[in-house]
């Protein structure tokens, strides 16, 4: 079982009630991680982006995660 470090920002830190945590996964993929977070916290109504090692990734792509990877759950950004 692999442990993946997950960081939460904005409203997602409020949902998780913590800024970060380690999640144990048997199948260390982004899809498995997002499924586990959905089971743990319920489906998030807010749109969000995911970054793996500080790079935004497509949530629907098959991304394998390594124990040294850090995943960030990010709220939408506003810019001007």
N, C-alpha and C. Protein backbone atom coordinates (compact mmCIF):
# COMPACT_ATOMS: atom_id res chain seq x y z
N UNK A 1 0.85 -1.17 0.00
CA UNK A 1 0.00 0.00 0.00
C UNK A 1 0.91 1.24 0.00
N UNK A 2 0.60 2.17 -0.88
CA UNK A 2 1.40 3.39 -1.01
C UNK A 2 0.70 4.55 -0.30
N UNK A 3 1.48 5.43 0.31
CA UNK A 3 0.92 6.64 0.93
C UNK A 3 1.25 7.83 0.05
N UNK A 4 0.20 8.59 -0.28
CA UNK A 4 0.33 9.77 -1.13
C UNK A 4 -0.02 11.00 -0.30
N UNK A 5 0.83 12.02 -0.38
CA UNK A 5 0.60 13.27 0.35
C UNK A 5 -0.36 14.13 -0.47
N UNK A 6 -1.45 14.57 0.17
CA UNK A 6 -2.46 15.40 -0.49
C UNK A 6 -2.55 16.73 0.26
N UNK A 7 -2.45 17.82 -0.49
CA UNK A 7 -2.59 19.17 0.06
C UNK A 7 -3.93 19.75 -0.41
N UNK A 8 -4.62 20.41 0.50
CA UNK A 8 -5.91 21.02 0.19
C UNK A 8 -5.78 22.54 0.29
N UNK A 9 -6.44 23.23 -0.62
CA UNK A 9 -6.41 24.69 -0.62
C UNK A 9 -7.84 25.23 -0.67
N UNK A 10 -8.01 26.42 -0.09
CA UNK A 10 -9.31 27.09 -0.14
C UNK A 10 -10.41 26.28 0.53
N UNK A 11 -11.54 26.22 -0.12
CA UNK A 11 -12.72 25.55 0.43
C UNK A 11 -12.46 24.05 0.66
N UNK A 12 -11.53 23.47 -0.07
CA UNK A 12 -11.25 22.04 0.09
C UNK A 12 -10.53 21.75 1.40
N UNK A 13 -9.72 22.70 1.89
CA UNK A 13 -9.12 22.55 3.22
C UNK A 13 -10.21 22.59 4.29
N UNK A 14 -11.25 23.39 4.04
CA UNK A 14 -12.38 23.44 4.97
C UNK A 14 -13.14 22.12 4.95
N UNK A 15 -13.39 21.55 3.75
CA UNK A 15 -14.08 20.26 3.65
C UNK A 15 -13.31 19.18 4.41
N UNK A 16 -11.99 19.13 4.18
CA UNK A 16 -11.16 18.09 4.78
C UNK A 16 -10.84 18.39 6.24
N UNK A 17 -11.04 19.63 6.66
CA UNK A 17 -10.73 20.09 8.00
C UNK A 17 -9.25 19.92 8.34
N UNK A 18 -8.42 20.04 7.30
CA UNK A 18 -6.97 20.00 7.49
C UNK A 18 -6.32 20.52 6.21
N UNK A 19 -5.10 21.05 6.31
CA UNK A 19 -4.43 21.55 5.11
C UNK A 19 -3.80 20.45 4.26
N UNK A 20 -3.50 19.31 4.88
CA UNK A 20 -2.91 18.20 4.13
C UNK A 20 -3.04 16.91 4.93
N UNK A 21 -2.88 15.80 4.23
CA UNK A 21 -2.92 14.49 4.87
C UNK A 21 -2.29 13.47 3.94
N UNK A 22 -1.98 12.31 4.49
CA UNK A 22 -1.49 11.20 3.68
C UNK A 22 -2.62 10.20 3.50
N UNK A 23 -2.80 9.78 2.25
CA UNK A 23 -3.85 8.82 1.91
C UNK A 23 -3.17 7.53 1.46
N UNK A 24 -3.59 6.40 2.02
CA UNK A 24 -3.05 5.10 1.62
C UNK A 24 -3.85 4.53 0.47
N UNK A 25 -3.15 4.09 -0.55
CA UNK A 25 -3.79 3.53 -1.74
C UNK A 25 -3.17 2.19 -2.11
N UNK A 26 -4.01 1.23 -2.44
CA UNK A 26 -3.51 -0.05 -2.96
C UNK A 26 -3.10 0.13 -4.42
N UNK A 27 -3.93 0.84 -5.16
CA UNK A 27 -3.69 1.12 -6.58
C UNK A 27 -3.37 2.61 -6.69
N UNK A 28 -2.09 3.00 -6.65
CA UNK A 28 -1.75 4.42 -6.58
C UNK A 28 -1.90 5.16 -7.91
N UNK A 29 -3.15 5.47 -8.24
CA UNK A 29 -3.43 6.26 -9.43
C UNK A 29 -4.23 7.49 -9.00
N UNK A 30 -4.23 8.50 -9.83
CA UNK A 30 -5.00 9.70 -9.53
C UNK A 30 -6.48 9.37 -9.43
N UNK A 31 -6.96 8.53 -10.32
CA UNK A 31 -8.38 8.13 -10.30
C UNK A 31 -8.73 7.45 -8.97
N UNK A 32 -7.88 6.55 -8.50
CA UNK A 32 -8.13 5.86 -7.23
C UNK A 32 -8.11 6.85 -6.07
N UNK A 33 -7.18 7.80 -6.11
CA UNK A 33 -7.10 8.81 -5.06
C UNK A 33 -8.37 9.66 -5.02
N UNK A 34 -8.79 10.16 -6.17
CA UNK A 34 -10.00 10.99 -6.22
C UNK A 34 -11.23 10.21 -5.78
N UNK A 35 -11.30 8.92 -6.15
CA UNK A 35 -12.42 8.09 -5.70
C UNK A 35 -12.41 7.92 -4.18
N UNK A 36 -11.22 7.70 -3.62
CA UNK A 36 -11.12 7.54 -2.17
C UNK A 36 -11.49 8.83 -1.44
N UNK A 37 -11.05 9.95 -1.97
CA UNK A 37 -11.41 11.24 -1.35
C UNK A 37 -12.92 11.48 -1.43
N UNK A 38 -13.54 11.08 -2.53
CA UNK A 38 -14.99 11.23 -2.68
C UNK A 38 -15.73 10.35 -1.67
N UNK A 39 -15.22 9.14 -1.44
CA UNK A 39 -15.84 8.26 -0.44
C UNK A 39 -15.66 8.82 0.97
N UNK A 40 -14.49 9.39 1.23
CA UNK A 40 -14.18 9.91 2.56
C UNK A 40 -14.95 11.19 2.88
N UNK A 41 -15.02 12.11 1.92
CA UNK A 41 -15.59 13.43 2.17
C UNK A 41 -16.92 13.67 1.46
N UNK A 42 -17.36 12.74 0.65
CA UNK A 42 -18.56 12.95 -0.15
C UNK A 42 -18.19 13.68 -1.43
N UNK A 43 -19.06 13.67 -2.41
CA UNK A 43 -18.73 14.35 -3.67
C UNK A 43 -18.65 15.86 -3.45
N UNK A 44 -17.61 16.46 -4.02
CA UNK A 44 -17.43 17.90 -3.91
C UNK A 44 -18.23 18.58 -5.00
N UNK A 45 -19.08 19.50 -4.57
CA UNK A 45 -19.93 20.24 -5.51
C UNK A 45 -19.13 21.30 -6.26
N UNK A 46 -18.06 21.76 -5.66
CA UNK A 46 -17.25 22.83 -6.24
C UNK A 46 -16.37 22.28 -7.37
N UNK A 47 -16.18 23.06 -8.42
CA UNK A 47 -15.20 22.64 -9.43
C UNK A 47 -13.80 22.73 -8.82
N UNK A 48 -12.90 21.89 -9.28
CA UNK A 48 -11.54 21.92 -8.75
C UNK A 48 -10.56 21.43 -9.80
N UNK A 49 -9.31 21.78 -9.57
CA UNK A 49 -8.22 21.29 -10.40
C UNK A 49 -7.30 20.47 -9.52
N UNK A 50 -6.48 19.64 -10.16
CA UNK A 50 -5.54 18.80 -9.44
C UNK A 50 -4.14 19.07 -9.99
N UNK A 51 -3.20 19.23 -9.07
CA UNK A 51 -1.79 19.36 -9.45
C UNK A 51 -1.03 18.19 -8.85
N UNK A 52 -0.16 17.60 -9.65
CA UNK A 52 0.74 16.55 -9.18
C UNK A 52 2.15 17.12 -9.32
N UNK A 53 2.84 17.20 -8.19
CA UNK A 53 4.19 17.78 -8.15
C UNK A 53 4.21 19.17 -8.78
N UNK A 54 3.22 19.98 -8.40
CA UNK A 54 3.10 21.39 -8.79
C UNK A 54 2.79 21.62 -10.26
N UNK A 55 2.31 20.59 -10.96
CA UNK A 55 1.89 20.73 -12.35
C UNK A 55 0.43 20.32 -12.45
N UNK A 56 -0.39 21.21 -13.04
CA UNK A 56 -1.81 20.89 -13.22
C UNK A 56 -1.93 19.71 -14.17
N UNK A 57 -2.77 18.73 -13.80
CA UNK A 57 -2.99 17.55 -14.63
C UNK A 57 -4.48 17.42 -14.92
N UNK A 58 -4.77 16.71 -15.97
CA UNK A 58 -6.15 16.42 -16.35
C UNK A 58 -6.67 15.33 -15.43
N UNK A 59 -7.78 15.59 -14.73
CA UNK A 59 -8.34 14.62 -13.78
C UNK A 59 -8.79 13.34 -14.45
N UNK A 60 -9.12 13.40 -15.73
CA UNK A 60 -9.64 12.22 -16.41
C UNK A 60 -8.55 11.36 -17.02
N UNK A 61 -7.30 11.83 -17.00
CA UNK A 61 -6.21 11.04 -17.56
C UNK A 61 -5.75 9.99 -16.55
N UNK A 62 -5.24 8.88 -17.07
CA UNK A 62 -4.69 7.84 -16.21
C UNK A 62 -3.31 8.28 -15.75
N UNK A 63 -3.21 8.71 -14.50
CA UNK A 63 -1.95 9.17 -13.94
C UNK A 63 -1.56 8.26 -12.80
N UNK A 64 -0.42 7.61 -12.92
CA UNK A 64 0.10 6.77 -11.84
C UNK A 64 0.83 7.65 -10.84
N UNK A 65 0.59 7.40 -9.57
CA UNK A 65 1.21 8.18 -8.51
C UNK A 65 2.30 7.37 -7.82
N UNK A 66 3.35 8.06 -7.41
CA UNK A 66 4.46 7.44 -6.68
C UNK A 66 4.44 7.95 -5.25
N UNK A 67 5.02 7.19 -4.31
CA UNK A 67 5.00 7.63 -2.91
C UNK A 67 5.63 9.01 -2.68
N UNK A 68 6.54 9.42 -3.53
CA UNK A 68 7.18 10.73 -3.35
C UNK A 68 6.35 11.87 -3.97
N UNK A 69 5.28 11.54 -4.70
CA UNK A 69 4.46 12.56 -5.35
C UNK A 69 3.64 13.33 -4.31
N UNK A 70 3.42 14.61 -4.62
CA UNK A 70 2.52 15.42 -3.82
C UNK A 70 1.39 15.90 -4.72
N UNK A 71 0.18 15.70 -4.23
CA UNK A 71 -1.02 16.04 -4.98
C UNK A 71 -1.68 17.23 -4.28
N UNK A 72 -2.11 18.21 -5.06
CA UNK A 72 -2.81 19.38 -4.52
C UNK A 72 -4.20 19.45 -5.12
N UNK A 73 -5.19 19.66 -4.26
CA UNK A 73 -6.58 19.88 -4.70
C UNK A 73 -6.81 21.38 -4.63
N UNK A 74 -7.07 21.97 -5.80
CA UNK A 74 -7.10 23.43 -5.93
C UNK A 74 -8.48 23.95 -6.33
N UNK A 75 -8.92 25.02 -5.70
CA UNK A 75 -10.17 25.67 -6.12
C UNK A 75 -9.93 26.40 -7.43
N UNK A 76 -11.00 26.82 -8.10
CA UNK A 76 -10.82 27.61 -9.33
C UNK A 76 -10.07 28.92 -9.01
N UNK A 77 -9.28 29.36 -9.93
CA UNK A 77 -8.54 30.61 -9.77
C UNK A 77 -9.23 31.72 -10.52
N UNK A 78 -9.19 32.89 -9.97
CA UNK A 78 -9.71 34.08 -10.66
C UNK A 78 -8.52 34.93 -11.05
N UNK A 79 -8.63 35.55 -12.17
CA UNK A 79 -7.52 36.39 -12.62
C UNK A 79 -8.04 37.60 -13.35
N UNK A 80 -7.15 38.48 -13.65
CA UNK A 80 -7.61 39.67 -14.33
C UNK A 80 -6.53 40.28 -15.16
